[in-house]
Amino acid sequence: MGLRETRKVNTRAGIILSARGLFFSSGYKKTSMGEIAEHSQVAVGTLYNYFKSKGEIMLAITKEDSADLLFPFSDSDMEAINVEDLIWKFTDKLIGFISAYPRELVKELIGVFWEAGQKNLSEGLASIDISIMNQITEMISILRENGQIKKETEPQVVAVALYGMATTAVMWYSVDPDMTLDRTREMIAAMFGHFCRGILPDGGT
């Protein structure tokens, strides 16, 4: 990578880091592009060369943070793992992801990403969701091949259902001040558990 490209990468990373701090401390809507530029020590025009809106910056932050929600398993890992292990690993990672964000910011972002007129942002967030669901689909497929879930199970349907349950719990957490992270974890695990009893082979636990 040449010096110019390195500078661009570093500038982009600096913008994301500065925006993250402002979003987390002041909230998304109260943070302006001007403030992000100032904290990033770049001109406003330069900032817009990297991101067309603060929504795009937040999407980049979310993409970075969600990258670790799932991780690749080796063939030997997948031979040893079971549905319960997969549920708990994903639940723990999801709670870790949520806990890094202030509750009010989670609530604010859910509205911002899906509000009318934010097509690019909603599509960007959907692409992250699809990527995660594709990873879950792949793991469910391997579990089916290993005989750990019923052969008639549709991996993609299971992935969509599990991810839908998880995101529903996250939305509940964002709007209900009495919904703690521990309670959110318990709810996700309980929903997953009830659902997965229907896809385990006879005699599975």
C-alpha atoms as a PDB file:
ATOM      1  CA  MET A   1       0.000   0.000   0.000  1.00  0.00           C
ATOM      2  CA  GLY A   2       1.401   3.390  -1.033  1.00  0.00           C
ATOM      3  CA  LEU A   3       1.699   6.467   1.184  1.00  0.00           C
ATOM      4  CA  ARG A   4      -1.427   8.069  -0.287  1.00  0.00           C
ATOM      5  CA  GLU A   5      -3.536   4.965   0.252  1.00  0.00           C
ATOM      6  CA  THR A   6      -2.185   4.601   3.787  1.00  0.00           C
ATOM      7  CA  ARG A   7      -3.171   8.169   4.583  1.00  0.00           C
ATOM      8  CA  LYS A   8      -6.660   7.557   3.251  1.00  0.00           C
ATOM      9  CA  VAL A   9      -7.065   4.431   5.368  1.00  0.00           C
ATOM     10  CA  ASN A  10      -5.798   6.252   8.463  1.00  0.00           C
ATOM     11  CA  THR A  11      -8.031   9.270   7.819  1.00  0.00           C
ATOM     12  CA  ARG A  12     -11.088   7.056   7.419  1.00  0.00           C
ATOM     13  CA  ALA A  13     -10.244   5.154  10.587  1.00  0.00           C
ATOM     14  CA  GLY A  14      -9.771   8.448  12.452  1.00  0.00           C
ATOM     15  CA  ILE A  15     -13.170   9.694  11.304  1.00  0.00           C
ATOM     16  CA  ILE A  16     -14.869   6.500  12.439  1.00  0.00           C
ATOM     17  CA  LEU A  17     -13.113   6.593  15.804  1.00  0.00           C
ATOM     18  CA  SER A  18     -14.028  10.245  16.405  1.00  0.00           C
ATOM     19  CA  ALA A  19     -17.639   9.718  15.323  1.00  0.00           C
ATOM     20  CA  ARG A  20     -17.940   6.686  17.576  1.00  0.00           C
ATOM     21  CA  GLY A  21     -16.892   8.743  20.589  1.00  0.00           C
ATOM     22  CA  LEU A  22     -19.337  11.538  19.755  1.00  0.00           C
ATOM     23  CA  PHE A  23     -22.251   9.205  19.028  1.00  0.00           C
ATOM     24  CA  PHE A  24     -21.682   7.331  22.281  1.00  0.00           C
ATOM     25  CA  SER A  25     -21.332  10.464  24.414  1.00  0.00           C
ATOM     26  CA  SER A  26     -23.791  12.886  22.794  1.00  0.00           C
ATOM     27  CA  GLY A  27     -26.127  10.630  20.841  1.00  0.00           C
ATOM     28  CA  TYR A  28     -26.524  10.177  17.114  1.00  0.00           C
ATOM     29  CA  LYS A  29     -29.007  12.934  16.307  1.00  0.00           C
ATOM     30  CA  LYS A  30     -27.238  15.578  18.404  1.00  0.00           C
ATOM     31  CA  THR A  31     -23.923  14.978  16.658  1.00  0.00           C
ATOM     32  CA  SER A  32     -23.295  16.994  13.496  1.00  0.00           C
ATOM     33  CA  MET A  33     -20.978  16.341  10.588  1.00  0.00           C
ATOM     34  CA  GLY A  34     -19.184  19.560  11.533  1.00  0.00           C
ATOM     35  CA  GLU A  35     -18.449  18.217  15.010  1.00  0.00           C
ATOM     36  CA  ILE A  36     -17.192  14.940  13.558  1.00  0.00           C
ATOM     37  CA  ALA A  37     -14.910  16.838  11.174  1.00  0.00           C
ATOM     38  CA  GLU A  38     -13.579  18.992  14.004  1.00  0.00           C
ATOM     39  CA  HIS A  39     -12.869  16.026  16.261  1.00  0.00           C
ATOM     40  CA  SER A  40     -11.308  14.152  13.344  1.00  0.00           C
ATOM     41  CA  GLN A  41      -9.147  17.192  12.520  1.00  0.00           C
ATOM     42  CA  VAL A  42     -10.233  17.213   8.882  1.00  0.00           C
ATOM     43  CA  ALA A  43     -12.097  19.773   6.818  1.00  0.00           C
ATOM     44  CA  VAL A  44     -15.845  19.276   6.431  1.00  0.00           C
ATOM     45  CA  GLY A  45     -15.357  18.894   2.685  1.00  0.00           C
ATOM     46  CA  THR A  46     -12.791  16.175   3.282  1.00  0.00           C
ATOM     47  CA  LEU A  47     -15.197  14.396   5.602  1.00  0.00           C
ATOM     48  CA  TYR A  48     -17.842  14.299   2.867  1.00  0.00           C
ATOM     49  CA  ASN A  49     -15.291  12.783   0.493  1.00  0.00           C
ATOM     50  CA  TYR A  50     -15.243   9.742   2.780  1.00  0.00           C
ATOM     51  CA  PHE A  51     -18.850   9.620   3.969  1.00  0.00           C
ATOM     52  CA  LYS A  52     -21.924  11.250   2.434  1.00  0.00           C
ATOM     53  CA  SER A  53     -23.734  11.408   5.762  1.00  0.00           C
ATOM     54  CA  LYS A  54     -23.305  10.602   9.425  1.00  0.00           C
ATOM     55  CA  GLY A  55     -25.636   7.678   8.801  1.00  0.00           C
ATOM     56  CA  GLU A  56     -22.989   6.156   6.552  1.00  0.00           C
ATOM     57  CA  ILE A  57     -20.433   6.616   9.320  1.00  0.00           C
ATOM     58  CA  MET A  58     -22.688   4.899  11.836  1.00  0.00           C
ATOM     59  CA  LEU A  59     -23.253   2.084   9.373  1.00  0.00           C
ATOM     60  CA  ALA A  60     -19.481   1.641   9.068  1.00  0.00           C
ATOM     61  CA  ILE A  61     -19.214   1.500  12.871  1.00  0.00           C
ATOM     62  CA  THR A  62     -22.001  -1.068  13.092  1.00  0.00           C
ATOM     63  CA  LYS A  63     -20.397  -3.164  10.357  1.00  0.00           C
ATOM     64  CA  GLU A  64     -17.075  -3.191  12.201  1.00  0.00           C
ATOM     65  CA  ASP A  65     -18.665  -4.073  15.543  1.00  0.00           C
ATOM     66  CA  SER A  66     -20.910  -6.827  14.149  1.00  0.00           C
ATOM     67  CA  ALA A  67     -18.086  -8.574  12.317  1.00  0.00           C
ATOM     68  CA  ASP A  68     -17.302 -10.621  15.419  1.00  0.00           C
ATOM     69  CA  LEU A  69     -20.854 -11.825  16.071  1.00  0.00           C
ATOM     70  CA  LEU A  70     -19.983 -15.113  14.428  1.00  0.00           C
ATOM     71  CA  PHE A  71     -16.628 -16.623  13.733  1.00  0.00           C
ATOM     72  CA  PRO A  72     -15.533 -19.439  11.436  1.00  0.00           C
ATOM     73  CA  PHE A  73     -15.401 -22.904  12.972  1.00  0.00           C
ATOM     74  CA  SER A  74     -12.876 -25.476  11.846  1.00  0.00           C
ATOM     75  CA  ASP A  75     -14.110 -28.877  10.667  1.00  0.00           C
ATOM     76  CA  SER A  76     -13.082 -30.406  13.991  1.00  0.00           C
ATOM     77  CA  ASP A  77     -14.938 -27.670  15.898  1.00  0.00           C
ATOM     78  CA  MET A  78     -18.114 -28.359  13.948  1.00  0.00           C
ATOM     79  CA  GLU A  79     -17.858 -32.084  14.642  1.00  0.00           C
ATOM     80  CA  ALA A  80     -17.813 -31.392  18.373  1.00  0.00           C
ATOM     81  CA  ILE A  81     -20.279 -28.486  18.576  1.00  0.00           C
ATOM     82  CA  ASN A  82     -24.004 -29.011  19.064  1.00  0.00           C
ATOM     83  CA  VAL A  83     -27.064 -26.817  18.694  1.00  0.00           C
ATOM     84  CA  GLU A  84     -26.949 -25.703  22.329  1.00  0.00           C
ATOM     85  CA  ASP A  85     -23.296 -24.675  22.002  1.00  0.00           C
ATOM     86  CA  LEU A  86     -24.090 -22.662  18.892  1.00  0.00           C
ATOM     87  CA  ILE A  87     -27.016 -20.942  20.615  1.00  0.00           C
ATOM     88  CA  TRP A  88     -24.943 -19.901  23.629  1.00  0.00           C
ATOM     89  CA  LYS A  89     -21.942 -18.775  21.592  1.00  0.00           C
ATOM     90  CA  PHE A  90     -24.115 -16.586  19.392  1.00  0.00           C
ATOM     91  CA  THR A  91     -26.127 -15.267  22.349  1.00  0.00           C
ATOM     92  CA  ASP A  92     -22.974 -14.330  24.278  1.00  0.00           C
ATOM     93  CA  LYS A  93     -21.523 -12.533  21.272  1.00  0.00           C
ATOM     94  CA  LEU A  94     -24.794 -10.691  20.597  1.00  0.00           C
ATOM     95  CA  ILE A  95     -25.045  -9.508  24.209  1.00  0.00           C
ATOM     96  CA  GLY A  96     -21.420  -8.409  24.057  1.00  0.00           C
ATOM     97  CA  PHE A  97     -22.195  -6.423  20.912  1.00  0.00           C
ATOM     98  CA  ILE A  98     -25.248  -4.758  22.468  1.00  0.00           C
ATOM     99  CA  SER A  99     -23.526  -3.973  25.769  1.00  0.00           C
ATOM    100  CA  ALA A 100     -20.919  -1.871  23.953  1.00  0.00           C
ATOM    101  CA  TYR A 101     -23.634   0.632  22.992  1.00  0.00           C
ATOM    102  CA  PRO A 102     -25.570   2.948  25.344  1.00  0.00           C
ATOM    103  CA  ARG A 103     -29.207   1.833  25.478  1.00  0.00           C
ATOM    104  CA  GLU A 104     -30.472   5.189  24.191  1.00  0.00           C
ATOM    105  CA  LEU A 105     -28.137   4.975  21.211  1.00  0.00           C
ATOM    106  CA  VAL A 106     -29.447   1.494  20.365  1.00  0.00           C
ATOM    107  CA  LYS A 107     -33.012   2.829  20.458  1.00  0.00           C
ATOM    108  CA  GLU A 108     -32.083   5.867  18.391  1.00  0.00           C
ATOM    109  CA  LEU A 109     -30.274   3.876  15.741  1.00  0.00           C
ATOM    110  CA  ILE A 110     -33.088   1.363  15.268  1.00  0.00           C
ATOM    111  CA  GLY A 111     -35.335   4.270  14.333  1.00  0.00           C
ATOM    112  CA  VAL A 112     -32.758   6.058  12.181  1.00  0.00           C
ATOM    113  CA  PHE A 113     -31.773   3.046  10.104  1.00  0.00           C
ATOM    114  CA  TRP A 114     -35.362   2.132   9.238  1.00  0.00           C
ATOM    115  CA  GLU A 115     -37.116   5.489   8.977  1.00  0.00           C
ATOM    116  CA  ALA A 116     -38.621   6.631   5.699  1.00  0.00           C
ATOM    117  CA  GLY A 117     -36.151   8.207   3.299  1.00  0.00           C
ATOM    118  CA  GLN A 118     -33.185   6.247   4.627  1.00  0.00           C
ATOM    119  CA  LYS A 119     -33.123   3.609   1.902  1.00  0.00           C
ATOM    120  CA  ASN A 120     -29.330   3.450   1.627  1.00  0.00           C
ATOM    121  CA  LEU A 121     -28.943   3.015   5.369  1.00  0.00           C
ATOM    122  CA  SER A 122     -31.696   0.417   5.705  1.00  0.00           C
ATOM    123  CA  GLU A 123     -30.260  -1.524   2.778  1.00  0.00           C
ATOM    124  CA  GLY A 124     -26.796  -1.302   4.316  1.00  0.00           C
ATOM    125  CA  LEU A 125     -28.057  -2.615   7.636  1.00  0.00           C
ATOM    126  CA  ALA A 126     -29.981  -5.353   5.831  1.00  0.00           C
ATOM    127  CA  SER A 127     -26.771  -6.456   4.112  1.00  0.00           C
ATOM    128  CA  ILE A 128     -25.154  -6.906   7.541  1.00  0.00           C
ATOM    129  CA  ASP A 129     -28.172  -8.909   8.713  1.00  0.00           C
ATOM    130  CA  ILE A 130     -28.034 -11.095   5.620  1.00  0.00           C
ATOM    131  CA  SER A 131     -24.332 -11.751   6.104  1.00  0.00           C
ATOM    132  CA  ILE A 132     -24.917 -12.907   9.679  1.00  0.00           C
ATOM    133  CA  MET A 133     -27.882 -15.068   8.664  1.00  0.00           C
ATOM    134  CA  ASN A 134     -25.816 -16.647   5.889  1.00  0.00           C
ATOM    135  CA  GLN A 135     -23.192 -17.638   8.452  1.00  0.00           C
ATOM    136  CA  ILE A 136     -25.853 -19.135  10.711  1.00  0.00           C
ATOM    137  CA  THR A 137     -27.320 -20.964   7.696  1.00  0.00           C
ATOM    138  CA  GLU A 138     -23.945 -22.491   6.916  1.00  0.00           C
ATOM    139  CA  MET A 139     -23.469 -23.706  10.480  1.00  0.00           C
ATOM    140  CA  ILE A 140     -26.984 -25.145  10.658  1.00  0.00           C
ATOM    141  CA  SER A 141     -26.309 -26.964   7.369  1.00  0.00           C
ATOM    142  CA  ILE A 142     -23.188 -28.564   8.819  1.00  0.00           C
ATOM    143  CA  LEU A 143     -25.058 -29.594  11.978  1.00  0.00           C
ATOM    144  CA  ARG A 144     -27.719 -31.204   9.765  1.00  0.00           C
ATOM    145  CA  GLU A 145     -25.079 -33.076   7.780  1.00  0.00           C
ATOM    146  CA  ASN A 146     -23.553 -34.299  11.055  1.00  0.00           C
ATOM    147  CA  GLY A 147     -26.946 -35.650  12.144  1.00  0.00           C
ATOM    148  CA  GLN A 148     -27.319 -33.232  15.042  1.00  0.00           C
ATOM    149  CA  ILE A 149     -30.601 -31.823  13.753  1.00  0.00           C
ATOM    150  CA  LYS A 150     -33.414 -33.363  11.708  1.00  0.00           C
ATOM    151  CA  LYS A 151     -32.656 -34.032   8.062  1.00  0.00           C
ATOM    152  CA  GLU A 152     -35.827 -32.257   6.938  1.00  0.00           C
ATOM    153  CA  THR A 153     -34.710 -29.018   8.607  1.00  0.00           C
ATOM    154  CA  GLU A 154     -34.358 -26.037   6.268  1.00  0.00           C
ATOM    155  CA  PRO A 155     -31.144 -24.270   7.415  1.00  0.00           C
ATOM    156  CA  GLN A 156     -32.025 -20.896   5.908  1.00  0.00           C
ATOM    157  CA  VAL A 157     -35.477 -20.878   7.510  1.00  0.00           C
ATOM    158  CA  VAL A 158     -33.928 -21.754  10.869  1.00  0.00           C
ATOM    159  CA  ALA A 159     -31.333 -18.990  10.486  1.00  0.00           C
ATOM    160  CA  VAL A 160     -33.972 -16.367   9.704  1.00  0.00           C
ATOM    161  CA  ALA A 161     -36.099 -17.510  12.655  1.00  0.00           C
ATOM    162  CA  LEU A 162     -33.219 -17.483  15.141  1.00  0.00           C
ATOM    163  CA  TYR A 163     -31.956 -14.100  13.995  1.00  0.00           C
ATOM    164  CA  GLY A 164     -35.488 -12.684  14.047  1.00  0.00           C
ATOM    165  CA  MET A 165     -35.910 -13.790  17.658  1.00  0.00           C
ATOM    166  CA  ALA A 166     -32.599 -12.193  18.597  1.00  0.00           C
ATOM    167  CA  THR A 167     -33.374  -8.854  16.949  1.00  0.00           C
ATOM    168  CA  THR A 168     -36.837  -8.793  18.556  1.00  0.00           C
ATOM    169  CA  ALA A 169     -35.231  -9.154  21.984  1.00  0.00           C
ATOM    170  CA  VAL A 170     -32.767  -6.365  21.159  1.00  0.00           C
ATOM    171  CA  MET A 171     -35.609  -4.043  20.162  1.00  0.00           C
ATOM    172  CA  TRP A 172     -37.405  -4.854  23.422  1.00  0.00           C
ATOM    173  CA  TYR A 173     -34.232  -4.066  25.360  1.00  0.00           C
ATOM    174  CA  SER A 174     -33.887  -0.723  23.571  1.00  0.00           C
ATOM    175  CA  VAL A 175     -37.362   0.535  24.559  1.00  0.00           C
ATOM    176  CA  ASP A 176     -37.937  -1.056  27.975  1.00  0.00           C
ATOM    177  CA  PRO A 177     -35.753   0.413  30.776  1.00  0.00           C
ATOM    178  CA  ASP A 178     -36.644  -2.562  32.994  1.00  0.00           C
ATOM    179  CA  MET A 179     -35.218  -5.002  30.426  1.00  0.00           C
ATOM    180  CA  THR A 180     -31.660  -5.669  31.582  1.00  0.00           C
ATOM    181  CA  LEU A 181     -28.935  -7.255  29.473  1.00  0.00           C
ATOM    182  CA  ASP A 182     -29.103 -10.375  31.641  1.00  0.00           C
ATOM    183  CA  ARG A 183     -32.843 -10.607  31.083  1.00  0.00           C
ATOM    184  CA  THR A 184     -32.327 -10.064  27.356  1.00  0.00           C
ATOM    185  CA  ARG A 185     -29.804 -12.902  27.326  1.00  0.00           C
ATOM    186  CA  GLU A 186     -32.250 -15.170  29.164  1.00  0.00           C
ATOM    187  CA  MET A 187     -35.051 -14.301  26.750  1.00  0.00           C
ATOM    188  CA  ILE A 188     -32.968 -14.990  23.649  1.00  0.00           C
ATOM    189  CA  ALA A 189     -31.715 -18.301  25.029  1.00  0.00           C
ATOM    190  CA  ALA A 190     -35.241 -19.331  26.070  1.00  0.00           C
ATOM    191  CA  MET A 191     -36.717 -18.520  22.651  1.00  0.00           C
ATOM    192  CA  PHE A 192     -33.877 -20.314  20.906  1.00  0.00           C
ATOM    193  CA  GLY A 193     -34.276 -23.303  23.202  1.00  0.00           C
ATOM    194  CA  HIS A 194     -38.018 -23.660  22.622  1.00  0.00           C
ATOM    195  CA  PHE A 195     -37.546 -23.334  18.877  1.00  0.00           C
ATOM    196  CA  CYS A 196     -34.634 -25.742  18.613  1.00  0.00           C
ATOM    197  CA  ARG A 197     -36.439 -28.544  20.437  1.00  0.00           C
ATOM    198  CA  GLY A 198     -38.461 -28.878  17.263  1.00  0.00           C
ATOM    199  CA  ILE A 199     -35.446 -29.422  14.999  1.00  0.00           C
ATOM    200  CA  LEU A 200     -33.437 -31.799  17.175  1.00  0.00           C
ATOM    201  CA  PRO A 201     -33.537 -35.480  16.268  1.00  0.00           C
ATOM    202  CA  ASP A 202     -35.679 -37.744  18.444  1.00  0.00           C
ATOM    203  CA  GLY A 203     -33.973 -38.145  21.778  1.00  0.00           C
ATOM    204  CA  GLY A 204     -31.949 -34.917  21.377  1.00  0.00           C
ATOM    205  CA  THR A 205     -31.604 -32.442  24.251  1.00  0.00           C
END
